[in-house]
């Protein structure tokens, strides 16, 4: 009635304050009740909007209960399944289980006769991660969450890569700061200056990974007190960058190498 175009049941949230109310990922532990909730919800909204569901692979570490539950949900009218490739117990630790996602994708396609899509989620930090997930699991699309907080253009770039096999021109440093500015302006429109400043201070570290060397920016951002000071800081940073402001500070290929290097196990030095 308020204009929603989709109604999603979140069965993936692992946060204690949610699961202790038997919501979020705790719904994975009560499949009979959960399917009943989904069925009543689908029946209530009728054909006005699609009802979808997001799941994790299971609740406890090592569990893979999502495939069976996904099939049951589709049988009662759920229109799309999104699957995060970890269990609730893992939260965001370890790496995403692509084989587990593939198992759920297969179950969804089988139960839905190929008409119900299954979306993969987890560890997509570059467009190449999305490409790899689709190739490995056969999922119909990807959901990107945390990575978009520091690089919202990852959505544009990933869509282009999946559709055409090519990445678009990388954003320049100036264009990336334009995104930060837009973020700040939207915060001002939605709330007030105090909220916007506090929020952008929290988010600038995520952006910084895609802005090149920016330690001084992050430090200075903690000292701004007004929107004018924010704009002046961005303008000064771009001026100091000189010609580099109109070049990409880091490409997705370079970002992928940084991430790969950070995941390599450390080798103890002699005598350590």
Protein backbone atom coordinates (compact mmCIF):
# COMPACT_ATOMS: atom_id res chain seq x y z
CA UNK A 1 0.00 0.00 0.00
CA UNK A 2 2.97 2.32 0.53
CA UNK A 3 4.37 1.66 -2.93
CA UNK A 4 6.86 -1.16 -2.31
CA UNK A 5 7.84 -2.99 -5.50
CA UNK A 6 9.29 -6.05 -3.74
CA UNK A 7 8.86 -7.62 -0.32
CA UNK A 8 11.96 -9.47 0.91
CA UNK A 9 12.17 -11.86 3.86
CA UNK A 10 15.62 -11.52 5.42
CA UNK A 11 16.65 -14.98 6.62
CA UNK A 12 20.34 -14.12 6.49
CA UNK A 13 21.00 -11.60 9.27
CA UNK A 14 23.25 -13.25 11.91
CA UNK A 15 23.18 -10.42 14.49
CA UNK A 16 22.28 -11.62 17.98
CA UNK A 17 19.62 -8.96 18.66
CA UNK A 18 17.79 -10.21 15.56
CA UNK A 19 18.25 -13.96 15.91
CA UNK A 20 17.17 -13.99 19.57
CA UNK A 21 13.71 -12.90 18.41
CA UNK A 22 13.64 -15.92 16.04
CA UNK A 23 14.07 -13.62 13.06
CA UNK A 24 16.92 -13.28 10.56
CA UNK A 25 19.07 -16.37 10.15
CA UNK A 26 17.32 -18.10 13.06
CA UNK A 27 14.52 -18.75 10.55
CA UNK A 28 16.85 -21.31 8.95
CA UNK A 29 16.49 -23.40 12.12
CA UNK A 30 12.70 -23.65 11.93
CA UNK A 31 12.00 -24.59 8.29
CA UNK A 32 8.40 -25.70 8.86
CA UNK A 33 7.46 -22.45 10.57
CA UNK A 34 9.48 -20.40 8.07
CA UNK A 35 7.78 -21.93 5.03
CA UNK A 36 4.43 -21.28 6.71
CA UNK A 37 5.31 -17.61 7.22
CA UNK A 38 6.38 -17.30 3.59
CA UNK A 39 3.21 -18.99 2.35
CA UNK A 40 0.95 -16.67 4.37
CA UNK A 41 2.89 -13.63 3.21
CA UNK A 42 2.65 -14.63 -0.46
CA UNK A 43 -1.06 -15.27 -0.04
CA UNK A 44 -1.57 -11.91 1.69
CA UNK A 45 0.08 -9.72 -0.96
CA UNK A 46 -1.28 -11.81 -3.84
CA UNK A 47 0.01 -10.71 -7.22
CA UNK A 48 0.60 -7.08 -6.18
CA UNK A 49 4.35 -7.51 -5.59
CA UNK A 50 6.80 -10.43 -5.67
CA UNK A 51 7.91 -11.88 -2.35
CA UNK A 52 11.59 -12.85 -2.21
CA UNK A 53 13.92 -14.31 0.41
CA UNK A 54 17.58 -14.03 1.35
CA UNK A 55 19.23 -17.04 3.01
CA UNK A 56 22.59 -18.19 4.31
CA UNK A 57 23.89 -21.71 3.68
CA UNK A 58 22.85 -22.81 7.16
CA UNK A 59 22.93 -21.70 10.77
CA UNK A 60 25.85 -23.60 12.29
CA UNK A 61 29.32 -23.88 10.77
CA UNK A 62 29.42 -26.65 8.17
CA UNK A 63 25.66 -26.78 7.69
CA UNK A 64 24.13 -26.72 4.22
CA UNK A 65 20.40 -26.62 4.83
CA UNK A 66 19.58 -23.75 2.49
CA UNK A 67 19.12 -25.80 -0.68
CA UNK A 68 16.25 -27.84 0.74
CA UNK A 69 14.62 -24.79 2.33
CA UNK A 70 14.97 -22.78 -0.88
CA UNK A 71 13.07 -25.44 -2.82
CA UNK A 72 10.29 -25.45 -0.22
CA UNK A 73 10.03 -21.66 -0.33
CA UNK A 74 9.67 -21.65 -4.10
CA UNK A 75 6.93 -24.26 -3.85
CA UNK A 76 4.84 -21.80 -1.79
CA UNK A 77 5.39 -18.89 -4.19
CA UNK A 78 8.66 -17.17 -3.29
CA UNK A 79 9.72 -15.41 -6.50
CA UNK A 80 13.50 -15.16 -6.03
CA UNK A 81 16.19 -16.51 -3.69
CA UNK A 82 19.37 -14.68 -2.73
CA UNK A 83 22.01 -16.87 -1.09
CA UNK A 84 24.97 -15.66 0.96
CA UNK A 85 27.75 -18.21 0.82
CA UNK A 86 28.43 -18.48 4.55
CA UNK A 87 26.59 -19.89 7.54
CA UNK A 88 25.17 -17.62 10.22
CA UNK A 89 27.82 -18.82 12.68
CA UNK A 90 30.57 -17.65 10.32
CA UNK A 91 29.11 -14.15 10.10
CA UNK A 92 31.65 -12.54 7.72
CA UNK A 93 34.68 -14.66 8.61
CA UNK A 94 36.47 -16.98 6.23
CA UNK A 95 35.80 -17.04 2.52
CA UNK A 96 32.53 -17.51 0.70
CA UNK A 97 31.61 -21.11 -0.23
CA UNK A 98 30.97 -21.06 -3.98
CA UNK A 99 30.15 -24.77 -4.04
CA UNK A 100 27.50 -24.15 -1.40
CA UNK A 101 26.00 -21.36 -3.48
CA UNK A 102 26.02 -23.61 -6.56
CA UNK A 103 24.08 -26.24 -4.62
CA UNK A 104 21.37 -23.71 -3.75
CA UNK A 105 21.28 -22.38 -7.33
CA UNK A 106 20.67 -25.89 -8.63
CA UNK A 107 17.89 -26.48 -6.10
CA UNK A 108 16.20 -23.18 -7.00
CA UNK A 109 16.36 -23.81 -10.72
CA UNK A 110 15.00 -27.31 -10.27
CA UNK A 111 12.14 -26.27 -7.97
CA UNK A 112 11.25 -23.27 -10.10
CA UNK A 113 11.48 -25.03 -13.44
CA UNK A 114 14.14 -22.56 -14.54
CA UNK A 115 11.76 -19.62 -14.06
CA UNK A 116 12.86 -18.53 -10.56
CA UNK A 117 16.18 -16.67 -10.34
CA UNK A 118 18.84 -17.28 -7.71
CA UNK A 119 21.20 -14.45 -6.75
CA UNK A 120 24.68 -15.08 -5.31
CA UNK A 121 26.13 -12.95 -2.53
CA UNK A 122 29.35 -12.70 -0.53
CA UNK A 123 32.98 -11.60 -0.99
CA UNK A 124 32.34 -9.60 -4.16
CA UNK A 125 34.99 -6.92 -3.75
CA UNK A 126 35.74 -6.36 -7.44
CA UNK A 127 33.77 -6.96 -10.66
CA UNK A 128 36.03 -9.96 -11.31
CA UNK A 129 34.72 -11.63 -8.14
CA UNK A 130 31.19 -11.35 -9.52
CA UNK A 131 32.29 -12.79 -12.85
CA UNK A 132 33.94 -15.72 -11.06
CA UNK A 133 30.86 -16.35 -8.88
CA UNK A 134 28.52 -16.47 -11.88
CA UNK A 135 30.86 -18.79 -13.79
CA UNK A 136 31.35 -21.16 -10.83
CA UNK A 137 27.82 -21.30 -9.45
CA UNK A 138 25.53 -20.62 -12.41
CA UNK A 139 23.68 -17.97 -10.39
CA UNK A 140 21.44 -15.57 -12.31
CA UNK A 141 22.92 -12.44 -10.79
CA UNK A 142 24.91 -11.11 -7.87
CA UNK A 143 24.15 -8.97 -4.84
CA UNK A 144 26.90 -6.55 -3.79
CA UNK A 145 26.78 -5.14 -0.28
CA UNK A 146 29.81 -3.95 1.73
CA UNK A 147 32.05 -3.31 -1.29
CA UNK A 148 29.59 -0.70 -2.57
CA UNK A 149 30.04 1.38 0.58
CA UNK A 150 33.52 2.48 -0.52
CA UNK A 151 33.09 2.25 -4.28
CA UNK A 152 29.46 2.69 -5.35
CA UNK A 153 30.63 2.61 -8.97
CA UNK A 154 31.32 -1.11 -8.53
CA UNK A 155 27.64 -1.63 -9.39
CA UNK A 156 28.03 0.08 -12.77
CA UNK A 157 31.32 -1.66 -13.52
CA UNK A 158 30.12 -5.12 -12.51
CA UNK A 159 26.95 -4.80 -14.58
CA UNK A 160 29.04 -3.82 -17.60
CA UNK A 161 31.48 -6.69 -17.15
CA UNK A 162 28.74 -9.28 -16.80
CA UNK A 163 26.78 -7.96 -19.79
CA UNK A 164 29.60 -7.20 -22.23
CA UNK A 165 32.73 -8.90 -20.90
CA UNK A 166 34.44 -5.50 -20.72
CA UNK A 167 34.93 -2.95 -17.96
CA UNK A 168 34.01 0.68 -18.67
CA UNK A 169 36.60 3.44 -18.42
CA UNK A 170 37.75 3.67 -14.80
CA UNK A 171 36.66 6.77 -12.91
CA UNK A 172 39.29 9.43 -12.42
CA UNK A 173 40.23 10.70 -8.98
CA UNK A 174 38.10 13.80 -9.60
CA UNK A 175 35.08 11.69 -10.56
CA UNK A 176 35.49 9.55 -7.45
CA UNK A 177 35.53 12.64 -5.26
CA UNK A 178 32.38 13.75 -7.08
CA UNK A 179 30.78 10.54 -5.76
CA UNK A 180 31.90 11.42 -2.23
CA UNK A 181 30.46 14.91 -2.68
CA UNK A 182 27.17 13.51 -3.95
CA UNK A 183 27.03 11.16 -0.95
CA UNK A 184 27.53 14.12 1.38
CA UNK A 185 24.92 16.29 -0.37
CA UNK A 186 22.34 13.50 -0.16
CA UNK A 187 23.07 13.10 3.55
CA UNK A 188 22.44 16.82 4.00
CA UNK A 189 19.13 16.54 2.14
CA UNK A 190 17.99 13.54 4.17
CA UNK A 191 19.08 14.75 7.62
CA UNK A 192 21.11 17.71 8.86
CA UNK A 193 24.70 18.97 8.75
CA UNK A 194 25.75 17.34 12.03
CA UNK A 195 24.52 13.93 10.92
CA UNK A 196 26.02 14.30 7.43
CA UNK A 197 29.46 15.24 8.79
CA UNK A 198 29.52 12.40 11.32
CA UNK A 199 28.42 9.92 8.67
CA UNK A 200 30.92 10.97 6.01
CA UNK A 201 33.70 10.78 8.63
CA UNK A 202 32.74 7.14 9.16
CA UNK A 203 32.55 6.34 5.46
CA UNK A 204 35.66 8.10 4.17
CA UNK A 205 37.95 5.21 5.16
CA UNK A 206 35.98 2.93 2.82
CA UNK A 207 36.32 5.41 -0.03
CA UNK A 208 40.02 5.88 0.75
CA UNK A 209 40.85 2.39 -0.54
CA UNK A 210 39.86 3.61 -3.99
CA UNK A 211 41.37 7.12 -3.84
CA UNK A 212 45.06 6.33 -3.74
CA UNK A 213 47.24 7.62 -0.84
CA UNK A 214 44.82 9.55 1.34
CA UNK A 215 45.96 9.34 4.96
CA UNK A 216 46.06 13.13 5.26
CA UNK A 217 42.50 13.34 3.90
CA UNK A 218 41.20 10.86 6.46
CA UNK A 219 42.87 12.77 9.28
CA UNK A 220 41.62 16.14 8.04
CA UNK A 221 38.09 14.77 7.58
CA UNK A 222 37.89 14.15 11.33
CA UNK A 223 38.38 17.87 11.96
CA UNK A 224 35.72 19.36 9.66
CA UNK A 225 32.72 20.93 11.38
CA UNK A 226 30.70 22.50 8.54
CA UNK A 227 29.63 21.62 4.97
CA UNK A 228 31.76 24.50 3.66
CA UNK A 229 34.82 23.00 5.33
CA UNK A 230 34.02 19.66 3.73
CA UNK A 231 33.84 21.21 0.26
CA UNK A 232 37.03 23.19 0.85
CA UNK A 233 38.87 20.04 1.94
CA UNK A 234 37.87 18.15 -1.20
CA UNK A 235 38.79 21.10 -3.42
CA UNK A 236 42.17 21.44 -1.72
CA UNK A 237 42.87 17.73 -2.03
CA UNK A 238 42.14 17.76 -5.75
CA UNK A 239 44.26 20.86 -6.28
CA UNK A 240 47.19 19.23 -4.50
CA UNK A 241 46.77 16.14 -6.71
CA UNK A 242 47.54 18.23 -9.80
CA UNK A 243 47.31 16.38 -13.14
CA UNK A 244 46.76 13.11 -11.26
CA UNK A 245 43.26 14.34 -10.40
CA UNK A 246 42.20 13.47 -13.94
CA UNK A 247 43.66 9.97 -13.88
CA UNK A 248 42.30 6.82 -12.18
CA UNK A 249 44.14 6.43 -8.84
CA UNK A 250 43.69 2.65 -8.88
CA UNK A 251 42.05 0.27 -11.35
CA UNK A 252 40.01 -2.82 -10.52
CA UNK A 253 42.90 -4.95 -11.76
CA UNK A 254 45.23 -3.24 -9.29
CA UNK A 255 42.68 -3.49 -6.49
CA UNK A 256 42.33 -7.23 -7.15
CA UNK A 257 46.10 -7.65 -6.82
CA UNK A 258 46.10 -5.76 -3.52
CA UNK A 259 43.34 -7.97 -2.16
CA UNK A 260 45.06 -11.15 -3.36
CA UNK A 261 48.31 -10.12 -1.71
CA UNK A 262 46.55 -9.39 1.58
CA UNK A 263 45.11 -12.92 1.63
CA UNK A 264 48.44 -14.70 1.26
CA UNK A 265 49.52 -16.54 4.42
CA UNK A 266 52.42 -14.94 6.20
CA UNK A 267 55.67 -16.91 6.22
CA UNK A 268 57.51 -16.59 9.54
CA UNK A 269 60.98 -15.15 9.26
CA UNK A 270 63.97 -17.15 10.49
CA UNK A 271 64.13 -17.02 14.26
CA UNK A 272 60.59 -15.74 14.62
